Amino acid sequence: MTTGNQLIARFEKFANPQLAEKWDHVGLQIGNPDLPITRLITTLDVRPEVVDEAIEQNVDFIFAHHPIMFHPAKDLDTRDPQNAMYAKLLANNITVYAAHTNLDTANGGMNDWLADQLHLTNTVPLVPAGNDPISGEPVGMGRVGELAEPLTLQKFAKYCMDVFGIRGLRLIVNPLDQEREIKRVAVLGGAGQDFYQQALEAGADAYVTGDVSYHFAHDMIANHLVVIDPGHHIEVVAAHQLANLITQWKNENNWQFEVLESRVNTEPFTFITK
């Protein structure tokens, strides 16, 4: 029998909650981690469809990247879909745990996974964040590294679409930079517009990040930083990589529970063509 607490204790040696941003809400979200785990599912988001999937699969532990409770509930009126989702989780004894910006910052975590998808080499943190409280090794948000060979801007944009499995993206580029070759790349999963100056300082030819807003985009153009915005959902790589990590620990510790990956697509945007 393996409890949620045993899994959490092992995970937090890998991505300690102290690495999370102060505004973030990582860790236990809902449920009782004292209970044993029999079936676990990994996911990027905890949405009503994911909860339904978990119930159908007899899952009792959801391990997510994005927290489900960024803000306290004002009431528990279950006519609200979010509250109804909480009620379903509790009624079905499902525990939910989330690793967010601590997983983004940890060595071997989210931003290394994204850098690996882009096949970047010689990577270093984009935004240094001190040392890991367990290992003492330097950690940081985002990564900067090198492509195997330079790509034209248009080829690099298409390359990003291929490696992230997306149908479209937003390209932010000054007209004077259309012919730039891309070799040194910065990447930061999620919404990384606040760190574009660090990408400039790191000498990145392009910065890959999501959720860039209108006014930030103008500032990026003015600073001649090429930005690829493939959206926030590229972090879905977490579902597969977390499943791999947990399976590895399960085998090392002879834990007796099943590990599943969510098959629900939680991308909220649909790309259409003219």
Protein backbone atom coordinates (compact mmCIF):
# COMPACT_ATOMS: atom_id res chain seq x y z
CA MET A 1 0.00 0.00 0.00
CA THR A 2 1.33 3.42 -1.02
CA THR A 3 -0.25 6.59 0.34
CA GLY A 4 -0.44 9.96 -1.32
CA ASN A 5 1.93 11.29 1.34
CA GLN A 6 4.64 8.82 0.31
CA LEU A 7 4.44 9.91 -3.31
CA ILE A 8 4.35 13.59 -2.35
CA ALA A 9 7.41 13.21 -0.12
CA ARG A 10 9.36 11.64 -3.00
CA PHE A 11 8.22 14.22 -5.51
CA GLU A 12 9.12 17.16 -3.27
CA LYS A 13 12.71 15.95 -3.18
CA PHE A 14 12.65 16.46 -6.95
CA ALA A 15 10.70 19.75 -7.12
CA ASN A 16 10.61 21.28 -3.66
CA PRO A 17 7.65 23.61 -2.93
CA GLN A 18 10.16 26.24 -1.79
CA LEU A 19 11.04 26.71 -5.47
CA ALA A 20 7.51 27.94 -6.24
CA GLU A 21 6.75 31.62 -6.78
CA LYS A 22 5.20 33.37 -3.77
CA TRP A 23 1.89 33.96 -5.59
CA ASP A 24 1.55 30.31 -6.56
CA HIS A 25 -0.54 27.61 -4.89
CA VAL A 26 1.30 24.33 -5.21
CA GLY A 27 0.94 21.08 -3.32
CA LEU A 28 -2.23 19.46 -2.02
CA GLN A 29 -5.32 20.95 -3.67
CA ILE A 30 -8.15 18.77 -2.45
CA GLY A 31 -8.73 15.39 -0.82
CA ASN A 32 -6.88 13.25 1.72
CA PRO A 33 -3.26 12.24 0.99
CA ASP A 34 -3.31 9.79 3.91
CA LEU A 35 -5.37 7.42 1.75
CA PRO A 36 -3.70 4.69 -0.32
CA ILE A 37 -3.26 5.16 -4.07
CA THR A 38 -4.57 2.44 -6.36
CA ARG A 39 -4.78 4.34 -9.68
CA LEU A 40 -3.14 7.67 -10.46
CA ILE A 41 -3.57 9.92 -13.48
CA THR A 42 -1.26 12.72 -14.63
CA THR A 43 -2.58 15.83 -16.39
CA LEU A 44 -1.73 19.39 -17.33
CA ASP A 45 -5.06 20.82 -16.13
CA VAL A 46 -7.79 19.66 -13.75
CA ARG A 47 -10.97 20.49 -15.64
CA PRO A 48 -14.45 18.92 -15.35
CA GLU A 49 -13.71 16.64 -18.32
CA VAL A 50 -10.52 15.42 -16.66
CA VAL A 51 -12.38 14.71 -13.42
CA ASP A 52 -15.00 12.73 -15.37
CA GLU A 53 -12.18 10.78 -17.03
CA ALA A 54 -10.64 10.06 -13.62
CA ILE A 55 -13.96 8.81 -12.24
CA GLU A 56 -14.51 6.57 -15.28
CA GLN A 57 -11.01 5.13 -14.84
CA ASN A 58 -11.48 4.55 -11.07
CA VAL A 59 -8.64 6.94 -10.32
CA ASP A 60 -8.10 8.06 -6.72
CA PHE A 61 -5.14 10.46 -7.22
CA ILE A 62 -4.73 13.22 -9.82
CA PHE A 63 -1.23 14.65 -10.28
CA ALA A 64 -1.46 17.95 -12.18
CA HIS A 65 0.82 20.74 -13.32
CA HIS A 66 -1.70 23.57 -13.05
CA PRO A 67 -3.34 24.14 -9.65
CA ILE A 68 -7.14 24.05 -9.54
CA MET A 69 -7.36 26.56 -6.69
CA PHE A 70 -5.51 29.78 -7.47
CA HIS A 71 -8.10 31.78 -5.52
CA PRO A 72 -10.25 30.79 -2.51
CA ALA A 73 -13.83 29.86 -3.33
CA LYS A 74 -16.32 32.56 -2.30
CA ASP A 75 -19.00 29.95 -1.76
CA LEU A 76 -19.69 26.29 -2.48
CA ASP A 77 -22.72 26.76 -4.71
CA THR A 78 -22.52 23.66 -6.91
CA ARG A 79 -24.39 25.37 -9.72
CA ASP A 80 -20.97 26.88 -10.44
CA PRO A 81 -19.01 24.40 -12.64
CA GLN A 82 -15.83 24.87 -10.61
CA ASN A 83 -17.61 24.12 -7.33
CA ALA A 84 -19.43 21.19 -8.94
CA MET A 85 -16.02 19.81 -9.92
CA TYR A 86 -14.79 20.10 -6.33
CA ALA A 87 -17.90 18.26 -5.13
CA LYS A 88 -17.31 15.43 -7.63
CA LEU A 89 -13.72 15.04 -6.49
CA LEU A 90 -14.74 14.84 -2.84
CA ALA A 91 -17.67 12.51 -3.51
CA ASN A 92 -15.35 10.11 -5.31
CA ASN A 93 -12.49 10.32 -2.77
CA ILE A 94 -10.06 11.68 -5.35
CA THR A 95 -7.00 13.52 -4.06
CA VAL A 96 -5.49 16.26 -6.25
CA TYR A 97 -1.90 17.46 -6.03
CA ALA A 98 -0.34 20.17 -8.21
CA ALA A 99 3.28 21.04 -8.98
CA HIS A 100 3.42 24.35 -10.82
CA THR A 101 6.22 26.93 -10.65
CA ASN A 102 8.31 24.62 -8.48
CA LEU A 103 8.23 22.14 -11.37
CA ASP A 104 9.01 24.99 -13.79
CA THR A 105 12.13 25.88 -11.78
CA ALA A 106 13.41 22.42 -10.79
CA ASN A 107 16.31 20.87 -12.64
CA GLY A 108 14.96 18.13 -14.88
CA GLY A 109 11.47 19.68 -14.77
CA MET A 110 9.15 21.52 -17.12
CA ASN A 111 11.60 23.85 -18.82
CA ASP A 112 14.15 21.11 -19.36
CA TRP A 113 11.38 19.03 -20.95
CA LEU A 114 10.53 21.90 -23.32
CA ALA A 115 14.21 22.50 -24.11
CA ASP A 116 14.55 18.79 -24.87
CA GLN A 117 11.59 18.96 -27.24
CA LEU A 118 13.38 21.75 -29.09
CA HIS A 119 16.61 19.68 -29.00
CA LEU A 120 18.54 22.52 -27.39
CA THR A 121 22.06 21.82 -26.18
CA ASN A 122 24.33 23.53 -23.64
CA THR A 123 21.28 24.80 -21.75
CA VAL A 124 21.43 27.10 -18.74
CA PRO A 125 18.63 28.69 -16.68
CA LEU A 126 17.08 31.80 -18.21
CA VAL A 127 16.09 33.33 -14.85
CA PRO A 128 18.40 32.13 -12.05
CA ALA A 129 16.55 31.38 -8.79
CA GLY A 130 19.27 30.49 -6.32
CA ASN A 131 19.99 26.93 -5.21
CA ASP A 132 17.79 23.89 -4.76
CA PRO A 133 17.03 23.44 -1.02
CA ILE A 134 17.66 19.68 -1.25
CA SER A 135 20.55 19.23 -3.69
CA GLY A 136 22.14 22.66 -3.37
CA GLU A 137 22.47 22.84 -7.16
CA PRO A 138 21.74 26.11 -9.02
CA VAL A 139 18.17 26.29 -10.37
CA GLY A 140 16.14 28.73 -12.41
CA MET A 141 13.08 29.40 -14.52
CA GLY A 142 13.30 28.87 -18.28
CA ARG A 143 16.24 27.64 -20.34
CA VAL A 144 18.63 29.08 -22.95
CA GLY A 145 20.47 26.82 -25.34
CA GLU A 146 21.63 26.15 -28.89
CA LEU A 147 20.00 24.51 -31.88
CA ALA A 148 22.08 21.92 -33.72
CA GLU A 149 22.21 24.23 -36.72
CA PRO A 150 20.85 27.69 -37.55
CA LEU A 151 17.35 27.94 -39.01
CA THR A 152 15.67 30.74 -40.89
CA LEU A 153 12.91 32.42 -38.92
CA GLN A 154 10.14 30.82 -40.97
CA LYS A 155 11.73 27.37 -40.70
CA PHE A 156 12.15 27.80 -36.96
CA ALA A 157 8.49 28.77 -36.55
CA LYS A 158 7.44 25.65 -38.47
CA TYR A 159 9.91 23.59 -36.45
CA CYS A 160 8.22 24.77 -33.23
CA MET A 161 4.81 23.78 -34.61
CA ASP A 162 6.15 20.32 -35.41
CA VAL A 163 7.91 19.61 -32.10
CA PHE A 164 5.00 20.89 -30.00
CA GLY A 165 2.34 19.26 -32.18
CA ILE A 166 0.34 22.45 -32.75
CA ARG A 167 -1.56 23.79 -35.76
CA GLY A 168 -0.69 27.44 -35.29
CA LEU A 169 1.30 29.97 -33.30
CA ARG A 170 1.89 33.70 -33.07
CA LEU A 171 5.11 35.19 -34.44
CA ILE A 172 6.25 38.50 -32.96
CA VAL A 173 8.99 40.05 -35.08
CA ASN A 174 10.26 43.45 -36.14
CA PRO A 175 10.13 43.79 -39.96
CA LEU A 176 13.87 44.49 -39.88
CA ASP A 177 14.47 41.05 -38.34
CA GLN A 178 12.58 38.91 -40.86
CA GLU A 179 15.81 37.51 -42.31
CA ARG A 180 17.39 36.67 -38.96
CA GLU A 181 18.81 33.19 -38.50
CA ILE A 182 17.87 31.43 -35.29
CA LYS A 183 20.59 29.53 -33.42
CA ARG A 184 20.44 30.53 -29.73
CA VAL A 185 16.98 29.99 -28.24
CA ALA A 186 15.37 30.86 -24.92
CA VAL A 187 12.27 28.97 -23.80
CA LEU A 188 9.96 29.41 -20.83
CA GLY A 189 6.78 27.40 -20.46
CA GLY A 190 3.49 29.07 -19.64
CA ALA A 191 3.25 32.86 -19.65
CA GLY A 192 6.80 34.21 -19.83
CA GLN A 193 6.45 37.72 -21.22
CA ASP A 194 7.73 39.25 -17.97
CA PHE A 195 11.14 37.70 -18.64
CA TYR A 196 11.78 38.85 -22.21
CA GLN A 197 14.55 41.20 -21.04
CA GLN A 198 16.40 38.18 -19.66
CA ALA A 199 16.13 36.53 -23.08
CA LEU A 200 17.68 39.64 -24.63
CA GLU A 201 20.46 39.70 -22.04
CA ALA A 202 21.15 36.01 -22.68
CA GLY A 203 21.75 36.76 -26.36
CA ALA A 204 18.79 34.69 -27.58
CA ASP A 205 17.97 34.94 -31.28
CA ALA A 206 14.42 33.88 -30.43
CA TYR A 207 12.31 33.50 -27.30
CA VAL A 208 9.66 30.78 -27.11
CA THR A 209 6.92 31.45 -24.57
CA GLY A 210 3.15 31.70 -24.30
CA ASP A 211 0.38 34.18 -23.56
CA VAL A 212 2.16 37.31 -24.84
CA SER A 213 -0.08 40.36 -24.52
CA TYR A 214 -0.49 43.18 -27.03
CA HIS A 215 1.62 45.84 -25.32
CA PHE A 216 4.38 43.43 -24.37
CA ALA A 217 4.51 42.35 -28.02
CA HIS A 218 5.12 45.97 -29.08
CA ASP A 219 7.96 46.25 -26.56
CA MET A 220 9.50 43.01 -27.83
CA ILE A 221 9.37 44.30 -31.40
CA ALA A 222 10.94 47.61 -30.37
CA ASN A 223 13.77 45.68 -28.70
CA HIS A 224 14.31 43.50 -31.79
CA LEU A 225 13.52 40.28 -29.93
CA VAL A 226 11.98 37.57 -32.08
CA VAL A 227 9.28 35.80 -30.08
CA ILE A 228 7.45 32.58 -30.88
CA ASP A 229 4.19 32.28 -28.94
CA PRO A 230 2.97 28.67 -29.28
CA GLY A 231 0.47 29.09 -26.45
CA HIS A 232 0.30 27.88 -22.88
CA HIS A 233 -0.86 24.37 -23.70
CA ILE A 234 2.58 23.17 -24.90
CA GLU A 235 3.12 22.41 -21.22
CA VAL A 236 0.96 19.32 -21.80
CA VAL A 237 4.30 17.53 -22.05
CA ALA A 238 4.03 17.43 -18.25
CA ALA A 239 1.38 14.70 -18.36
CA HIS A 240 3.75 12.28 -20.09
CA GLN A 241 6.90 13.27 -18.26
CA LEU A 242 5.28 13.18 -14.82
CA ALA A 243 3.93 9.72 -15.62
CA ASN A 244 7.46 8.63 -16.54
CA LEU A 245 8.91 10.03 -13.31
CA ILE A 246 6.25 8.50 -11.09
CA THR A 247 6.58 5.14 -12.85
CA GLN A 248 10.34 5.23 -12.27
CA TRP A 249 9.88 5.93 -8.55
CA LYS A 250 7.14 3.31 -8.39
CA ASN A 251 9.51 0.67 -9.73
CA GLU A 252 12.36 1.75 -7.47
CA ASN A 253 10.18 1.57 -4.36
CA ASN A 254 7.97 -1.37 -5.37
CA TRP A 255 4.88 0.80 -5.06
CA GLN A 256 1.73 -1.03 -6.07
CA PHE A 257 -0.50 1.35 -8.03
CA GLU A 258 -1.24 2.04 -11.69
CA VAL A 259 -0.09 5.18 -13.49
CA LEU A 260 -2.22 6.60 -16.30
CA GLU A 261 -1.92 9.69 -18.51
CA SER A 262 -4.96 11.86 -19.16
CA ARG A 263 -6.20 11.70 -22.74
CA VAL A 264 -8.42 14.77 -22.44
CA ASN A 265 -7.41 17.74 -24.59
CA THR A 266 -7.60 20.81 -22.34
CA GLU A 267 -6.42 23.31 -24.97
CA PRO A 268 -9.08 26.06 -24.72
CA PHE A 269 -8.31 27.59 -28.14
CA THR A 270 -9.19 26.27 -31.57
CA PHE A 271 -7.07 27.36 -34.52
CA ILE A 272 -9.00 28.01 -37.72
CA THR A 273 -7.77 28.94 -41.18
CA LYS A 274 -9.39 31.23 -43.72
